Amino acid sequence: MNLIRKIILVGLSLTTLLVSSCGSSDAETETTKRETVAAEAVADGDAVQDQEVSEDLGEVVIPNMPGATPEATAENFSHFSAVDVNGEAYDGSLLKGHRLNVINFWGTFCPPCIYEMPFLGNLNRTYDDADVQFIGVIVDTTDSANSYGEDTLAEAHRIIAESEADFIHLLPSPDLYTIFMNKVSSIPMTVFVDENGEIIENYVGAHDEAGWAELIDSALNKLD
């Protein structure tokens, strides 16, 4: 079993743990219920809307998985190679010119991930690009060794389009696994990274727009 496949299986098994752990109090239970309902609404949507989105997406590109970068090291995003959902190639230079990079690890099977996607999309359009850049990493898009799955990629495209989370969404790669994905036991997992690839903070679980704005503003203040 390849490394990328392992992390996907871990995410699948532990996402349930993440959701159930939100039920330690009545308030948290109600929050989880609201998040799940909202996520299902985003994920399922109206039948006509789904058809329109599907038609707009067109043919799904199945990119090749990039090889490992020798310079990639654990817990530093300065050196990596990856492709996004459209097959565009990226490396560590993606982080340059942005004081704070918000890297969100999410999955197409994960209701809390889908719940917060519209909020991240709104914040992406709110903050100045020089201050904050949002980047997604879709953890469940690998279906076999060195291959991305067409069905999951199509679902990822649909979720991104419907939630208007119109920022870069990377696919798993050997480098991303080495750097951080091997530490991801629950999703959504969000990592704050500076433009040099250094990890500032990481958070497990979904937040609403106000919650993320508060965390991002606090991180920006610390970078001043």
Protein backbone atom coordinates (compact mmCIF):
# COMPACT_ATOMS: atom_id res chain seq x y z
CA MET A 1 0.00 0.00 0.00
CA ASN A 2 1.54 3.33 -1.07
CA LEU A 3 2.00 6.19 1.37
CA ILE A 4 -0.61 8.48 -0.17
CA ARG A 5 -3.18 5.69 -0.01
CA LYS A 6 -2.39 5.15 3.67
CA ILE A 7 -3.10 8.75 4.61
CA ILE A 8 -6.41 8.63 2.74
CA LEU A 9 -7.49 5.52 4.65
CA VAL A 10 -6.49 7.17 7.92
CA GLY A 11 -8.55 10.23 7.02
CA LEU A 12 -11.56 8.09 6.13
CA SER A 13 -11.48 6.22 9.41
CA LEU A 14 -10.80 9.20 11.66
CA THR A 15 -13.15 11.77 10.15
CA THR A 16 -15.96 10.02 12.02
CA LEU A 17 -13.96 10.46 15.21
CA LEU A 18 -13.64 14.18 14.53
CA VAL A 19 -17.36 14.67 14.09
CA SER A 20 -18.31 12.58 17.13
CA SER A 21 -15.78 14.34 19.33
CA CYS A 22 -17.74 17.57 18.83
CA GLY A 23 -20.51 16.11 21.01
CA SER A 24 -18.89 16.60 24.42
CA SER A 25 -21.57 19.12 25.37
CA ASP A 26 -25.12 19.94 24.29
CA ALA A 27 -23.95 23.15 22.64
CA GLU A 28 -21.27 21.37 20.70
CA THR A 29 -23.75 18.67 19.68
CA GLU A 30 -26.14 21.26 18.28
CA THR A 31 -23.26 22.95 16.47
CA THR A 32 -22.28 19.66 14.90
CA LYS A 33 -25.86 19.03 13.80
CA ARG A 34 -26.07 22.46 12.18
CA GLU A 35 -22.71 21.95 10.46
CA THR A 36 -23.74 18.55 9.16
CA VAL A 37 -27.07 19.84 7.83
CA ALA A 38 -25.35 22.78 6.17
CA ALA A 39 -22.68 20.55 4.69
CA GLU A 40 -25.24 18.11 3.31
CA ALA A 41 -27.10 21.00 1.74
CA VAL A 42 -23.93 22.17 0.02
CA ALA A 43 -22.93 18.64 -0.97
CA ASP A 44 -26.34 17.55 -2.28
CA GLY A 45 -27.86 20.80 -3.48
CA ASP A 46 -30.77 21.15 -5.85
CA ALA A 47 -30.98 18.64 -8.72
CA VAL A 48 -31.21 21.36 -11.35
CA GLN A 49 -28.29 23.26 -9.83
CA ASP A 50 -26.18 20.09 -9.79
CA GLN A 51 -26.91 19.52 -13.46
CA GLU A 52 -25.94 23.08 -14.35
CA VAL A 53 -22.70 22.87 -12.36
CA SER A 54 -21.84 19.51 -13.93
CA GLU A 55 -22.38 20.92 -17.40
CA ASP A 56 -20.19 23.91 -16.63
CA LEU A 57 -17.31 21.71 -15.39
CA GLY A 58 -16.83 19.91 -18.69
CA GLU A 59 -14.19 17.21 -18.98
CA VAL A 60 -12.19 16.48 -15.82
CA VAL A 61 -8.41 16.60 -16.25
CA ILE A 62 -6.57 13.62 -14.71
CA PRO A 63 -3.04 14.90 -14.00
CA ASN A 64 0.02 12.76 -13.39
CA MET A 65 1.32 12.65 -9.84
CA PRO A 66 4.65 14.50 -9.53
CA GLY A 67 7.73 12.76 -8.17
CA ALA A 68 9.37 13.49 -4.84
CA THR A 69 11.57 16.55 -4.35
CA PRO A 70 14.85 15.72 -2.56
CA GLU A 71 14.72 19.01 -0.64
CA ALA A 72 11.28 18.32 0.87
CA THR A 73 11.52 18.12 4.65
CA ALA A 74 9.04 17.51 7.44
CA GLU A 75 7.01 20.50 8.67
CA ASN A 76 8.37 23.01 6.17
CA PHE A 77 6.50 23.87 2.98
CA SER A 78 9.35 25.78 1.30
CA HIS A 79 10.22 22.88 -1.05
CA PHE A 80 7.48 20.78 -2.58
CA SER A 81 6.07 19.67 -5.90
CA ALA A 82 2.33 19.23 -6.47
CA VAL A 83 -0.43 19.71 -9.02
CA ASP A 84 -3.86 21.22 -8.56
CA VAL A 85 -7.31 19.95 -9.59
CA ASN A 86 -6.79 21.46 -13.06
CA GLY A 87 -3.39 19.82 -13.59
CA GLU A 88 -1.38 23.01 -13.02
CA ALA A 89 2.03 22.40 -11.42
CA TYR A 90 3.13 24.25 -8.27
CA ASP A 91 6.12 24.34 -5.95
CA GLY A 92 7.26 26.17 -2.82
CA SER A 93 7.37 29.49 -4.65
CA LEU A 94 3.57 29.47 -4.43
CA LEU A 95 3.90 30.76 -0.86
CA LYS A 96 6.10 33.74 -1.70
CA GLY A 97 4.57 37.21 -1.57
CA HIS A 98 1.89 36.22 0.94
CA ARG A 99 2.44 37.02 4.61
CA LEU A 100 0.15 34.20 5.68
CA ASN A 101 -0.78 31.06 3.76
CA VAL A 102 -3.88 29.22 4.99
CA ILE A 103 -3.53 25.60 3.86
CA ASN A 104 -6.74 23.64 4.34
CA PHE A 105 -6.62 19.83 4.15
CA TRP A 106 -10.09 18.57 3.21
CA GLY A 107 -11.93 15.64 1.67
CA THR A 108 -14.92 15.21 -0.59
CA PHE A 109 -16.41 12.71 1.89
CA CYS A 110 -16.18 15.09 4.87
CA PRO A 111 -19.31 17.13 5.84
CA PRO A 112 -17.46 19.55 8.19
CA CYS A 113 -14.96 20.23 5.40
CA ILE A 114 -17.73 21.08 2.95
CA TYR A 115 -19.56 23.15 5.58
CA GLU A 116 -16.68 25.60 5.95
CA MET A 117 -15.74 25.78 2.26
CA PRO A 118 -18.02 28.75 1.43
CA PHE A 119 -16.61 30.67 4.39
CA LEU A 120 -13.06 30.10 3.18
CA GLY A 121 -14.10 31.20 -0.29
CA ASN A 122 -15.59 34.43 1.07
CA LEU A 123 -12.49 35.16 3.14
CA ASN A 124 -10.30 34.49 0.13
CA ARG A 125 -12.09 37.31 -1.64
CA THR A 126 -12.01 39.56 1.44
CA TYR A 127 -8.33 39.60 2.39
CA ASP A 128 -5.65 41.32 0.36
CA ASP A 129 -3.66 38.72 -1.57
CA ALA A 130 -0.40 40.08 -0.19
CA ASP A 131 -1.65 39.41 3.33
CA VAL A 132 -3.41 36.07 3.03
CA GLN A 133 -3.47 33.26 0.47
CA PHE A 134 -5.84 30.29 0.76
CA ILE A 135 -4.75 26.87 -0.51
CA GLY A 136 -6.74 23.65 -0.38
CA VAL A 137 -5.30 20.12 -0.33
CA ILE A 138 -7.87 17.44 -1.24
CA VAL A 139 -6.73 14.35 0.64
CA ASP A 140 -8.97 11.68 -0.94
CA THR A 141 -8.28 12.16 -4.65
CA THR A 142 -5.85 9.24 -4.96
CA ASP A 143 -7.39 5.89 -5.88
CA SER A 144 -4.31 3.77 -6.61
CA ALA A 145 -0.51 3.96 -6.74
CA ASN A 146 0.56 7.20 -8.45
CA SER A 147 -2.93 7.81 -9.83
CA TYR A 148 -5.75 10.27 -9.18
CA GLY A 149 -9.37 9.12 -9.32
CA GLU A 150 -11.63 10.65 -11.95
CA ASP A 151 -14.83 10.32 -9.89
CA THR A 152 -13.34 11.96 -6.80
CA LEU A 153 -11.78 14.73 -8.87
CA ALA A 154 -15.15 15.39 -10.49
CA GLU A 155 -16.77 15.55 -7.05
CA ALA A 156 -14.04 17.92 -5.84
CA HIS A 157 -14.65 20.20 -8.83
CA ARG A 158 -18.38 20.21 -8.04
CA ILE A 159 -17.87 21.08 -4.37
CA ILE A 160 -15.41 23.85 -5.22
CA ALA A 161 -17.74 25.34 -7.82
CA GLU A 162 -20.88 25.20 -5.66
CA SER A 163 -19.17 26.62 -2.58
CA GLU A 164 -17.35 29.28 -4.63
CA ALA A 165 -14.10 28.33 -2.93
CA ASP A 166 -12.23 29.71 -5.91
CA PHE A 167 -8.66 29.36 -4.71
CA ILE A 168 -5.92 26.85 -5.55
CA HIS A 169 -6.69 23.27 -4.53
CA LEU A 170 -3.71 20.92 -4.61
CA LEU A 171 -3.77 17.14 -4.88
CA PRO A 172 -1.75 14.80 -2.64
CA SER A 173 1.87 14.26 -3.64
CA PRO A 174 4.88 12.49 -2.12
CA ASP A 175 6.27 15.86 -1.00
CA LEU A 176 3.05 16.95 0.70
CA TYR A 177 2.94 13.62 2.50
CA THR A 178 6.53 14.04 3.70
CA ILE A 179 5.97 17.61 4.80
CA PHE A 180 2.67 17.31 6.65
CA MET A 181 0.04 14.88 5.36
CA ASN A 182 1.54 12.01 7.36
CA LYS A 183 0.54 13.97 10.48
CA VAL A 184 -3.06 14.56 9.40
CA SER A 185 -5.24 12.23 11.49
CA SER A 186 -8.51 14.21 11.22
CA ILE A 187 -9.93 16.63 8.71
CA PRO A 188 -10.52 19.42 8.15
CA MET A 189 -7.00 20.27 9.24
CA THR A 190 -5.82 23.81 8.54
CA VAL A 191 -2.21 24.96 8.72
CA PHE A 192 -1.02 28.56 8.89
CA VAL A 193 2.29 28.93 7.05
CA ASP A 194 4.46 32.00 6.41
CA GLU A 195 5.95 32.82 3.02
CA ASN A 196 9.14 30.94 3.89
CA GLY A 197 7.22 27.72 4.44
CA GLU A 198 7.46 27.74 8.23
CA ILE A 199 4.41 26.45 10.10
CA ILE A 200 2.96 29.05 12.45
CA GLU A 201 -0.06 27.17 13.77
CA ASN A 202 -2.45 24.36 12.87
CA TYR A 203 -6.10 23.76 13.70
CA VAL A 204 -8.31 20.66 13.60
CA GLY A 205 -11.99 21.07 12.83
CA ALA A 206 -14.29 23.41 10.95
CA HIS A 207 -14.99 27.07 11.76
CA ASP A 208 -17.47 29.59 10.49
CA GLU A 209 -16.39 32.76 8.71
CA ALA A 210 -16.13 34.87 11.86
CA GLY A 211 -14.14 32.17 13.63
CA TRP A 212 -11.59 31.92 10.82
CA ALA A 213 -11.34 35.70 10.50
CA GLU A 214 -10.47 35.98 14.18
CA LEU A 215 -7.75 33.33 13.92
CA ILE A 216 -6.32 34.83 10.73
CA ASP A 217 -6.28 38.38 12.11
CA SER A 218 -4.50 37.16 15.22
CA ALA A 219 -1.86 35.41 13.12
CA LEU A 220 -1.35 38.50 10.95
CA ASN A 221 -0.87 40.65 14.05
CA LYS A 222 1.84 38.29 15.29
CA LEU A 223 3.61 38.58 11.93
CA ASP A 224 3.78 42.39 12.17
